[in-house]
């Protein structure tokens, strides 16, 4: 049985996302949610775009997780989004933990 989208119940594409995460939403629902998030968080969207461009051009080198050394890392803006290239690379687990700590 093929998994269904958690939002609309439609079919999901086969496989995983480019980063290896399980798919939860169909492409249409994902696109819609992404557009809503972008309009609600313009500073974060700008910072994410600048980091991606800096990595692509070689201005910023992707590093392993600063906590555990996992080579599959994400950039964490630990001081907010105003200074887009200021932060640390963390694996997905430690990145989520950092955001949970920031809420409390």
PDB file of N, CA and C in Angstrom:
ATOM      1  N   UNK A   1       0.842  -1.189   0.000  1.00  0.00           N
ATOM      2  CA  UNK A   1       0.000   0.000   0.000  1.00  0.00           C
ATOM      3  C   UNK A   1       0.885   1.250   0.000  1.00  0.00           C
ATOM      4  N   UNK A   2       0.564   2.167  -0.855  1.00  0.00           N
ATOM      5  CA  UNK A   2       1.333   3.396  -0.983  1.00  0.00           C
ATOM      6  C   UNK A   2       0.903   4.403   0.090  1.00  0.00           C
ATOM      7  N   UNK A   3       1.863   5.079   0.732  1.00  0.00           N
ATOM      8  CA  UNK A   3       1.493   6.040   1.779  1.00  0.00           C
ATOM      9  C   UNK A   3       0.730   7.229   1.201  1.00  0.00           C
ATOM     10  N   UNK A   4      -0.083   7.839   2.045  1.00  0.00           N
ATOM     11  CA  UNK A   4      -0.901   8.975   1.626  1.00  0.00           C
ATOM     12  C   UNK A   4      -0.405  10.258   2.290  1.00  0.00           C
ATOM     13  N   UNK A   5      -0.709  11.376   1.648  1.00  0.00           N
ATOM     14  CA  UNK A   5      -0.379  12.702   2.166  1.00  0.00           C
ATOM     15  C   UNK A   5      -1.102  12.916   3.500  1.00  0.00           C
ATOM     16  N   UNK A   6      -0.397  13.464   4.479  1.00  0.00           N
ATOM     17  CA  UNK A   6      -0.996  13.708   5.789  1.00  0.00           C
ATOM     18  C   UNK A   6      -1.986  14.871   5.771  1.00  0.00           C
ATOM     19  N   UNK A   7      -1.926  15.720   4.734  1.00  0.00           N
ATOM     20  CA  UNK A   7      -2.831  16.861   4.665  1.00  0.00           C
ATOM     21  C   UNK A   7      -4.090  16.570   3.865  1.00  0.00           C
ATOM     22  N   UNK A   8      -3.921  16.042   2.650  1.00  0.00           N
ATOM     23  CA  UNK A   8      -5.073  15.868   1.765  1.00  0.00           C
ATOM     24  C   UNK A   8      -5.443  14.409   1.514  1.00  0.00           C
ATOM     25  N   UNK A   9      -4.581  13.477   1.899  1.00  0.00           N
ATOM     26  CA  UNK A   9      -4.845  12.069   1.670  1.00  0.00           C
ATOM     27  C   UNK A   9      -4.457  11.579   0.288  1.00  0.00           C
ATOM     28  N   UNK A  10      -3.922  12.463  -0.543  1.00  0.00           N
ATOM     29  CA  UNK A  10      -3.500  12.106  -1.894  1.00  0.00           C
ATOM     30  C   UNK A  10      -2.242  11.259  -1.882  1.00  0.00           C
ATOM     31  N   UNK A  11      -1.876  10.722  -3.045  1.00  0.00           N
ATOM     32  CA  UNK A  11      -0.691   9.852  -3.107  1.00  0.00           C
ATOM     33  C   UNK A  11       0.606  10.643  -2.971  1.00  0.00           C
ATOM     34  N   UNK A  12       1.592  10.006  -2.346  1.00  0.00           N
ATOM     35  CA  UNK A  12       2.930  10.583  -2.219  1.00  0.00           C
ATOM     36  C   UNK A  12       3.818  10.044  -3.329  1.00  0.00           C
ATOM     37  N   UNK A  13       4.849  10.796  -3.653  1.00  0.00           N
ATOM     38  CA  UNK A  13       5.857  10.291  -4.584  1.00  0.00           C
ATOM     39  C   UNK A  13       6.605   9.157  -3.904  1.00  0.00           C
ATOM     40  N   UNK A  14       7.206   8.290  -4.693  1.00  0.00           N
ATOM     41  CA  UNK A  14       8.030   7.228  -4.132  1.00  0.00           C
ATOM     42  C   UNK A  14       9.319   7.807  -3.579  1.00  0.00           C
ATOM     43  N   UNK A  15       9.840   7.212  -2.522  1.00  0.00           N
ATOM     44  CA  UNK A  15      11.166   7.559  -2.031  1.00  0.00           C
ATOM     45  C   UNK A  15      11.186   8.597  -0.942  1.00  0.00           C
ATOM     46  N   UNK A  16      12.297   9.314  -0.929  1.00  0.00           N
ATOM     47  CA  UNK A  16      12.589  10.252   0.141  1.00  0.00           C
ATOM     48  C   UNK A  16      12.888  11.628  -0.453  1.00  0.00           C
ATOM     49  N   UNK A  17      13.014  12.618   0.420  1.00  0.00           N
ATOM     50  CA  UNK A  17      13.421  13.947  -0.017  1.00  0.00           C
ATOM     51  C   UNK A  17      14.897  13.902  -0.389  1.00  0.00           C
ATOM     52  N   UNK A  18      15.410  14.940  -1.055  1.00  0.00           N
ATOM     53  CA  UNK A  18      16.835  14.950  -1.398  1.00  0.00           C
ATOM     54  C   UNK A  18      17.760  14.806  -0.184  1.00  0.00           C
ATOM     55  N   UNK A  19      17.309  15.235   0.999  1.00  0.00           N
ATOM     56  CA  UNK A  19      18.132  15.118   2.205  1.00  0.00           C
ATOM     57  C   UNK A  19      17.911  13.795   2.928  1.00  0.00           C
ATOM     58  N   UNK A  20      17.077  12.912   2.370  1.00  0.00           N
ATOM     59  CA  UNK A  20      16.878  11.597   2.956  1.00  0.00           C
ATOM     60  C   UNK A  20      15.784  11.504   4.000  1.00  0.00           C
ATOM     61  N   UNK A  21      14.894  12.484   4.052  1.00  0.00           N
ATOM     62  CA  UNK A  21      13.794  12.456   5.009  1.00  0.00           C
ATOM     63  C   UNK A  21      12.565  11.813   4.366  1.00  0.00           C
ATOM     64  N   UNK A  22      11.733  11.178   5.185  1.00  0.00           N
ATOM     65  CA  UNK A  22      10.507  10.573   4.671  1.00  0.00           C
ATOM     66  C   UNK A  22       9.543  11.646   4.182  1.00  0.00           C
ATOM     67  N   UNK A  23       8.847  11.352   3.098  1.00  0.00           N
ATOM     68  CA  UNK A  23       7.838  12.271   2.595  1.00  0.00           C
ATOM     69  C   UNK A  23       6.575  12.156   3.442  1.00  0.00           C
ATOM     70  N   UNK A  24       5.975  13.287   3.765  1.00  0.00           N
ATOM     71  CA  UNK A  24       4.746  13.286   4.549  1.00  0.00           C
ATOM     72  C   UNK A  24       3.602  13.956   3.798  1.00  0.00           C
ATOM     73  N   UNK A  25       3.931  14.858   2.883  1.00  0.00           N
ATOM     74  CA  UNK A  25       2.930  15.601   2.131  1.00  0.00           C
ATOM     75  C   UNK A  25       3.135  15.387   0.640  1.00  0.00           C
ATOM     76  N   UNK A  26       2.057  15.486  -0.119  1.00  0.00           N
ATOM     77  CA  UNK A  26       2.168  15.409  -1.574  1.00  0.00           C
ATOM     78  C   UNK A  26       2.826  16.700  -2.069  1.00  0.00           C
ATOM     79  N   UNK A  27       3.339  16.731  -3.291  1.00  0.00           N
ATOM     80  CA  UNK A  27       4.002  17.933  -3.800  1.00  0.00           C
ATOM     81  C   UNK A  27       3.119  19.184  -3.759  1.00  0.00           C
ATOM     82  N   UNK A  28       1.824  19.046  -4.053  1.00  0.00           N
ATOM     83  CA  UNK A  28       0.935  20.208  -4.051  1.00  0.00           C
ATOM     84  C   UNK A  28       0.779  20.791  -2.643  1.00  0.00           C
ATOM     85  N   UNK A  29       0.563  19.938  -1.655  1.00  0.00           N
ATOM     86  CA  UNK A  29       0.420  20.408  -0.266  1.00  0.00           C
ATOM     87  C   UNK A  29       1.729  20.997   0.247  1.00  0.00           C
ATOM     88  N   UNK A  30       2.849  20.383  -0.115  1.00  0.00           N
ATOM     89  CA  UNK A  30       4.148  20.891   0.316  1.00  0.00           C
ATOM     90  C   UNK A  30       4.401  22.268  -0.268  1.00  0.00           C
ATOM     91  N   UNK A  31       4.106  22.452  -1.551  1.00  0.00           N
ATOM     92  CA  UNK A  31       4.300  23.737  -2.216  1.00  0.00           C
ATOM     93  C   UNK A  31       3.438  24.821  -1.568  1.00  0.00           C
ATOM     94  N   UNK A  32       2.193  24.509  -1.297  1.00  0.00           N
ATOM     95  CA  UNK A  32       1.286  25.467  -0.671  1.00  0.00           C
ATOM     96  C   UNK A  32       1.784  25.857   0.724  1.00  0.00           C
ATOM     97  N   UNK A  33       2.184  24.879   1.523  1.00  0.00           N
ATOM     98  CA  UNK A  33       2.676  25.157   2.872  1.00  0.00           C
ATOM     99  C   UNK A  33       3.952  25.986   2.831  1.00  0.00           C
ATOM    100  N   UNK A  34       4.827  25.696   1.868  1.00  0.00           N
ATOM    101  CA  UNK A  34       6.085  26.441   1.726  1.00  0.00           C
ATOM    102  C   UNK A  34       5.810  27.907   1.395  1.00  0.00           C
ATOM    103  N   UNK A  35       4.851  28.178   0.512  1.00  0.00           N
ATOM    104  CA  UNK A  35       4.501  29.557   0.156  1.00  0.00           C
ATOM    105  C   UNK A  35       3.953  30.312   1.362  1.00  0.00           C
ATOM    106  N   UNK A  36       3.119  29.647   2.146  1.00  0.00           N
ATOM    107  CA  UNK A  36       2.565  30.274   3.345  1.00  0.00           C
ATOM    108  C   UNK A  36       3.682  30.591   4.341  1.00  0.00           C
ATOM    109  N   UNK A  37       4.610  29.632   4.542  1.00  0.00           N
ATOM    110  CA  UNK A  37       5.718  29.844   5.477  1.00  0.00           C
ATOM    111  C   UNK A  37       6.604  31.003   5.021  1.00  0.00           C
ATOM    112  N   UNK A  38       6.900  31.056   3.717  1.00  0.00           N
ATOM    113  CA  UNK A  38       7.756  32.129   3.191  1.00  0.00           C
ATOM    114  C   UNK A  38       7.148  33.503   3.447  1.00  0.00           C
ATOM    115  N   UNK A  39       5.848  33.642   3.230  1.00  0.00           N
ATOM    116  CA  UNK A  39       5.222  34.942   3.434  1.00  0.00           C
ATOM    117  C   UNK A  39       5.130  35.309   4.914  1.00  0.00           C
ATOM    118  N   UNK A  40       5.039  34.316   5.787  1.00  0.00           N
ATOM    119  CA  UNK A  40       4.951  34.572   7.224  1.00  0.00           C
ATOM    120  C   UNK A  40       6.316  34.824   7.868  1.00  0.00           C
ATOM    121  N   UNK A  41       7.406  34.365   7.229  1.00  0.00           N
ATOM    122  CA  UNK A  41       8.753  34.478   7.802  1.00  0.00           C
ATOM    123  C   UNK A  41       9.749  35.034   6.778  1.00  0.00           C
ATOM    124  N   UNK A  42       9.579  36.281   6.357  1.00  0.00           N
ATOM    125  CA  UNK A  42      10.462  36.811   5.307  1.00  0.00           C
ATOM    126  C   UNK A  42      11.933  36.905   5.730  1.00  0.00           C
ATOM    127  N   UNK A  43      12.214  37.208   6.988  1.00  0.00           N
ATOM    128  CA  UNK A  43      13.600  37.302   7.449  1.00  0.00           C
ATOM    129  C   UNK A  43      14.287  35.947   7.428  1.00  0.00           C
ATOM    130  N   UNK A  44      13.588  34.917   7.861  1.00  0.00           N
ATOM    131  CA  UNK A  44      14.146  33.565   7.858  1.00  0.00           C
ATOM    132  C   UNK A  44      14.346  33.078   6.428  1.00  0.00           C
ATOM    133  N   UNK A  45      13.394  33.349   5.559  1.00  0.00           N
ATOM    134  CA  UNK A  45      13.510  32.931   4.158  1.00  0.00           C
ATOM    135  C   UNK A  45      14.732  33.585   3.507  1.00  0.00           C
ATOM    136  N   UNK A  46      14.940  34.870   3.767  1.00  0.00           N
ATOM    137  CA  UNK A  46      16.098  35.589   3.219  1.00  0.00           C
ATOM    138  C   UNK A  46      17.398  34.972   3.740  1.00  0.00           C
ATOM    139  N   UNK A  47      17.450  34.695   5.032  1.00  0.00           N
ATOM    140  CA  UNK A  47      18.656  34.117   5.634  1.00  0.00           C
ATOM    141  C   UNK A  47      18.944  32.736   5.056  1.00  0.00           C
ATOM    142  N   UNK A  48      17.923  31.906   4.894  1.00  0.00           N
ATOM    143  CA  UNK A  48      18.112  30.566   4.329  1.00  0.00           C
ATOM    144  C   UNK A  48      18.625  30.650   2.900  1.00  0.00           C
ATOM    145  N   UNK A  49      18.080  31.582   2.132  1.00  0.00           N
ATOM    146  CA  UNK A  49      18.520  31.779   0.747  1.00  0.00           C
ATOM    147  C   UNK A  49      19.977  32.225   0.691  1.00  0.00           C
ATOM    148  N   UNK A  50      20.362  33.151   1.565  1.00  0.00           N
ATOM    149  CA  UNK A  50      21.742  33.641   1.585  1.00  0.00           C
ATOM    150  C   UNK A  50      22.729  32.552   1.993  1.00  0.00           C
ATOM    151  N   UNK A  51      22.365  31.719   2.952  1.00  0.00           N
ATOM    152  CA  UNK A  51      23.242  30.617   3.371  1.00  0.00           C
ATOM    153  C   UNK A  51      23.391  29.617   2.229  1.00  0.00           C
ATOM    154  N   UNK A  52      22.288  29.284   1.573  1.00  0.00           N
ATOM    155  CA  UNK A  52      22.361  28.335   0.448  1.00  0.00           C
ATOM    156  C   UNK A  52      23.267  28.874  -0.652  1.00  0.00           C
ATOM    157  N   UNK A  53      23.141  30.152  -0.957  1.00  0.00           N
ATOM    158  CA  UNK A  53      23.985  30.761  -1.991  1.00  0.00           C
ATOM    159  C   UNK A  53      25.449  30.793  -1.554  1.00  0.00           C
ATOM    160  N   UNK A  54      25.701  31.081  -0.288  1.00  0.00           N
ATOM    161  CA  UNK A  54      27.074  31.128   0.224  1.00  0.00           C
ATOM    162  C   UNK A  54      27.727  29.743   0.160  1.00  0.00           C
ATOM    163  N   UNK A  55      26.959  28.695   0.439  1.00  0.00           N
ATOM    164  CA  UNK A  55      27.493  27.339   0.349  1.00  0.00           C
ATOM    165  C   UNK A  55      27.776  26.977  -1.105  1.00  0.00           C
ATOM    166  N   UNK A  56      26.857  27.324  -2.001  1.00  0.00           N
ATOM    167  CA  UNK A  56      27.036  27.012  -3.424  1.00  0.00           C
ATOM    168  C   UNK A  56      28.244  27.717  -4.023  1.00  0.00           C
ATOM    169  N   UNK A  57      28.488  28.960  -3.628  1.00  0.00           N
ATOM    170  CA  UNK A  57      29.591  29.732  -4.196  1.00  0.00           C
ATOM    171  C   UNK A  57      30.914  29.514  -3.475  1.00  0.00           C
ATOM    172  N   UNK A  58      30.896  28.798  -2.362  1.00  0.00           N
ATOM    173  CA  UNK A  58      32.128  28.531  -1.645  1.00  0.00           C
ATOM    174  C   UNK A  58      32.499  29.559  -0.602  1.00  0.00           C
ATOM    175  N   UNK A  59      31.653  30.563  -0.394  1.00  0.00           N
ATOM    176  CA  UNK A  59      31.899  31.572   0.628  1.00  0.00           C
ATOM    177  C   UNK A  59      31.793  30.941   2.019  1.00  0.00           C
ATOM    178  N   UNK A  60      30.870  29.986   2.161  1.00  0.00           N
ATOM    179  CA  UNK A  60      30.663  29.280   3.411  1.00  0.00           C
ATOM    180  C   UNK A  60      30.840  27.790   3.133  1.00  0.00           C
ATOM    181  N   UNK A  61      31.724  27.148   3.860  1.00  0.00           N
ATOM    182  CA  UNK A  61      31.969  25.717   3.661  1.00  0.00           C
ATOM    183  C   UNK A  61      31.107  24.918   4.628  1.00  0.00           C
ATOM    184  N   UNK A  62      30.409  23.919   4.090  1.00  0.00           N
ATOM    185  CA  UNK A  62      29.591  23.056   4.939  1.00  0.00           C
ATOM    186  C   UNK A  62      30.510  22.302   5.900  1.00  0.00           C
ATOM    187  N   UNK A  63      30.139  22.304   7.174  1.00  0.00           N
ATOM    188  CA  UNK A  63      30.920  21.669   8.229  1.00  0.00           C
ATOM    189  C   UNK A  63      30.113  20.508   8.828  1.00  0.00           C
ATOM    190  N   UNK A  64      30.772  19.567   9.481  1.00  0.00           N
ATOM    191  CA  UNK A  64      30.027  18.542  10.216  1.00  0.00           C
ATOM    192  C   UNK A  64      29.354  19.161  11.444  1.00  0.00           C
ATOM    193  N   UNK A  65      28.447  18.418  12.043  1.00  0.00           N
ATOM    194  CA  UNK A  65      27.740  18.893  13.237  1.00  0.00           C
ATOM    195  C   UNK A  65      28.750  19.303  14.313  1.00  0.00           C
ATOM    196  N   UNK A  66      28.543  20.471  14.875  1.00  0.00           N
ATOM    197  CA  UNK A  66      29.450  20.989  15.899  1.00  0.00           C
ATOM    198  C   UNK A  66      29.366  20.199  17.202  1.00  0.00           C
ATOM    199  N   UNK A  67      28.304  19.423  17.390  1.00  0.00           N
ATOM    200  CA  UNK A  67      28.127  18.672  18.627  1.00  0.00           C
ATOM    201  C   UNK A  67      28.643  17.240  18.484  1.00  0.00           C
ATOM    202  N   UNK A  68      28.191  16.542  17.441  1.00  0.00           N
ATOM    203  CA  UNK A  68      28.517  15.116  17.336  1.00  0.00           C
ATOM    204  C   UNK A  68      29.405  14.759  16.150  1.00  0.00           C
ATOM    205  N   UNK A  69      29.659  15.701  15.247  1.00  0.00           N
ATOM    206  CA  UNK A  69      30.531  15.438  14.110  1.00  0.00           C
ATOM    207  C   UNK A  69      29.859  14.773  12.922  1.00  0.00           C
ATOM    208  N   UNK A  70      28.534  14.611  12.938  1.00  0.00           N
ATOM    209  CA  UNK A  70      27.809  14.006  11.814  1.00  0.00           C
ATOM    210  C   UNK A  70      28.020  14.867  10.563  1.00  0.00           C
ATOM    211  N   UNK A  71      28.464  14.272   9.451  1.00  0.00           N
ATOM    212  CA  UNK A  71      28.723  15.056   8.238  1.00  0.00           C
ATOM    213  C   UNK A  71      27.454  15.597   7.579  1.00  0.00           C
ATOM    214  N   UNK A  72      26.286  15.036   7.890  1.00  0.00           N
ATOM    215  CA  UNK A  72      25.017  15.517   7.338  1.00  0.00           C
ATOM    216  C   UNK A  72      24.491  16.600   8.268  1.00  0.00           C
ATOM    217  N   UNK A  73      24.794  17.847   7.953  1.00  0.00           N
ATOM    218  CA  UNK A  73      24.467  18.938   8.860  1.00  0.00           C
ATOM    219  C   UNK A  73      23.611  19.997   8.182  1.00  0.00           C
ATOM    220  N   UNK A  74      22.977  20.803   9.014  1.00  0.00           N
ATOM    221  CA  UNK A  74      22.150  21.926   8.596  1.00  0.00           C
ATOM    222  C   UNK A  74      22.695  23.174   9.286  1.00  0.00           C
ATOM    223  N   UNK A  75      22.502  24.326   8.680  1.00  0.00           N
ATOM    224  CA  UNK A  75      22.987  25.565   9.280  1.00  0.00           C
ATOM    225  C   UNK A  75      21.957  26.080  10.278  1.00  0.00           C
ATOM    226  N   UNK A  76      22.397  26.385  11.482  1.00  0.00           N
ATOM    227  CA  UNK A  76      21.530  26.913  12.535  1.00  0.00           C
ATOM    228  C   UNK A  76      21.904  28.356  12.806  1.00  0.00           C
ATOM    229  N   UNK A  77      20.936  29.247  12.680  1.00  0.00           N
ATOM    230  CA  UNK A  77      21.145  30.670  12.968  1.00  0.00           C
ATOM    231  C   UNK A  77      20.947  30.874  14.461  1.00  0.00           C
ATOM    232  N   UNK A  78      22.018  30.767  15.229  1.00  0.00           N
ATOM    233  CA  UNK A  78      21.893  30.836  16.692  1.00  0.00           C
ATOM    234  C   UNK A  78      21.667  32.241  17.222  1.00  0.00           C
ATOM    235  N   UNK A  79      21.922  33.257  16.423  1.00  0.00           N
ATOM    236  CA  UNK A  79      21.738  34.631  16.897  1.00  0.00           C
ATOM    237  C   UNK A  79      20.612  35.339  16.142  1.00  0.00           C
ATOM    238  N   UNK A  80      19.690  34.584  15.591  1.00  0.00           N
ATOM    239  CA  UNK A  80      18.599  35.183  14.822  1.00  0.00           C
ATOM    240  C   UNK A  80      18.968  35.280  13.348  1.00  0.00           C
ATOM    241  N   UNK A  81      18.075  35.873  12.586  1.00  0.00           N
ATOM    242  CA  UNK A  81      18.245  35.899  11.130  1.00  0.00           C
ATOM    243  C   UNK A  81      18.816  37.203  10.590  1.00  0.00           C
ATOM    244  N   UNK A  82      19.076  38.184  11.439  1.00  0.00           N
ATOM    245  CA  UNK A  82      19.566  39.461  10.928  1.00  0.00           C
ATOM    246  C   UNK A  82      20.957  39.340  10.322  1.00  0.00           C
ATOM    247  N   UNK A  83      21.838  38.580  10.940  1.00  0.00           N
ATOM    248  CA  UNK A  83      23.163  38.319  10.379  1.00  0.00           C
ATOM    249  C   UNK A  83      23.123  36.903   9.802  1.00  0.00           C
ATOM    250  N   UNK A  84      22.774  36.812   8.523  1.00  0.00           N
ATOM    251  CA  UNK A  84      22.435  35.537   7.889  1.00  0.00           C
ATOM    252  C   UNK A  84      23.555  34.498   7.925  1.00  0.00           C
ATOM    253  N   UNK A  85      24.808  34.917   7.868  1.00  0.00           N
ATOM    254  CA  UNK A  85      25.903  33.953   7.805  1.00  0.00           C
ATOM    255  C   UNK A  85      26.547  33.684   9.164  1.00  0.00           C
ATOM    256  N   UNK A  86      25.905  34.144  10.223  1.00  0.00           N
ATOM    257  CA  UNK A  86      26.414  33.890  11.573  1.00  0.00           C
ATOM    258  C   UNK A  86      25.626  32.738  12.188  1.00  0.00           C
ATOM    259  N   UNK A  87      26.311  31.647  12.449  1.00  0.00           N
ATOM    260  CA  UNK A  87      25.647  30.490  13.023  1.00  0.00           C
ATOM    261  C   UNK A  87      26.581  29.300  13.061  1.00  0.00           C
ATOM    262  N   UNK A  88      25.998  28.125  13.213  1.00  0.00           N
ATOM    263  CA  UNK A  88      26.774  26.905  13.382  1.00  0.00           C
ATOM    264  C   UNK A  88      26.065  25.775  12.626  1.00  0.00           C
ATOM    265  N   UNK A  89      26.847  24.808  12.146  1.00  0.00           N
ATOM    266  CA  UNK A  89      26.276  23.637  11.494  1.00  0.00           C
ATOM    267  C   UNK A  89      25.951  22.588  12.547  1.00  0.00           C
ATOM    268  N   UNK A  90      24.721  22.062  12.484  1.00  0.00           N
ATOM    269  CA  UNK A  90      24.262  21.026  13.405  1.00  0.00           C
ATOM    270  C   UNK A  90      23.565  19.928  12.613  1.00  0.00           C
ATOM    271  N   UNK A  91      23.643  18.687  13.103  1.00  0.00           N
ATOM    272  CA  UNK A  91      22.871  17.608  12.483  1.00  0.00           C
ATOM    273  C   UNK A  91      21.396  17.882  12.764  1.00  0.00           C
ATOM    274  N   UNK A  92      20.513  17.183  12.090  1.00  0.00           N
ATOM    275  CA  UNK A  92      19.077  17.421  12.242  1.00  0.00           C
ATOM    276  C   UNK A  92      18.632  17.259  13.703  1.00  0.00           C
ATOM    277  N   UNK A  93      19.134  16.248  14.394  1.00  0.00           N
ATOM    278  CA  UNK A  93      18.755  16.007  15.790  1.00  0.00           C
ATOM    279  C   UNK A  93      19.161  17.173  16.682  1.00  0.00           C
ATOM    280  N   UNK A  94      20.410  17.600  16.583  1.00  0.00           N
ATOM    281  CA  UNK A  94      20.882  18.699  17.428  1.00  0.00           C
ATOM    282  C   UNK A  94      20.282  20.036  17.004  1.00  0.00           C
ATOM    283  N   UNK A  95      19.959  20.193  15.720  1.00  0.00           N
ATOM    284  CA  UNK A  95      19.313  21.411  15.251  1.00  0.00           C
ATOM    285  C   UNK A  95      17.929  21.538  15.891  1.00  0.00           C
ATOM    286  N   UNK A  96      17.176  20.447  15.896  1.00  0.00           N
ATOM    287  CA  UNK A  96      15.858  20.471  16.534  1.00  0.00           C
ATOM    288  C   UNK A  96      15.968  20.733  18.036  1.00  0.00           C
ATOM    289  N   UNK A  97      16.957  20.127  18.683  1.00  0.00           N
ATOM    290  CA  UNK A  97      17.160  20.365  20.113  1.00  0.00           C
ATOM    291  C   UNK A  97      17.466  21.825  20.378  1.00  0.00           C
ATOM    292  N   UNK A  98      18.280  22.444  19.525  1.00  0.00           N
ATOM    293  CA  UNK A  98      18.623  23.860  19.693  1.00  0.00           C
ATOM    294  C   UNK A  98      17.383  24.737  19.590  1.00  0.00           C
ATOM    295  N   UNK A  99      16.474  24.414  18.682  1.00  0.00           N
ATOM    296  CA  UNK A  99      15.253  25.196  18.546  1.00  0.00           C
ATOM    297  C   UNK A  99      14.319  24.971  19.733  1.00  0.00           C
ATOM    298  N   UNK A 100      14.266  23.767  20.258  1.00  0.00           N
ATOM    299  CA  UNK A 100      13.438  23.495  21.433  1.00  0.00           C
ATOM    300  C   UNK A 100      13.962  24.267  22.648  1.00  0.00           C
ATOM    301  N   UNK A 101      15.288  24.314  22.811  1.00  0.00           N
ATOM    302  CA  UNK A 101      15.883  25.049  23.931  1.00  0.00           C
ATOM    303  C   UNK A 101      15.575  26.538  23.821  1.00  0.00           C
ATOM    304  N   UNK A 102      15.570  27.068  22.600  1.00  0.00           N
ATOM    305  CA  UNK A 102      15.307  28.478  22.368  1.00  0.00           C
ATOM    306  C   UNK A 102      13.904  28.920  22.739  1.00  0.00           C
ATOM    307  N   UNK A 103      12.953  27.982  22.745  1.00  0.00           N
ATOM    308  CA  UNK A 103      11.559  28.311  23.067  1.00  0.00           C
ATOM    309  C   UNK A 103      11.328  28.492  24.548  1.00  0.00           C
ATOM    310  N   UNK A 104      12.140  27.800  25.362  1.00  0.00           N
ATOM    311  CA  UNK A 104      11.899  27.801  26.812  1.00  0.00           C
ATOM    312  C   UNK A 104      12.476  28.947  27.442  1.00  0.00           C
TER     313      UNK A 104
END
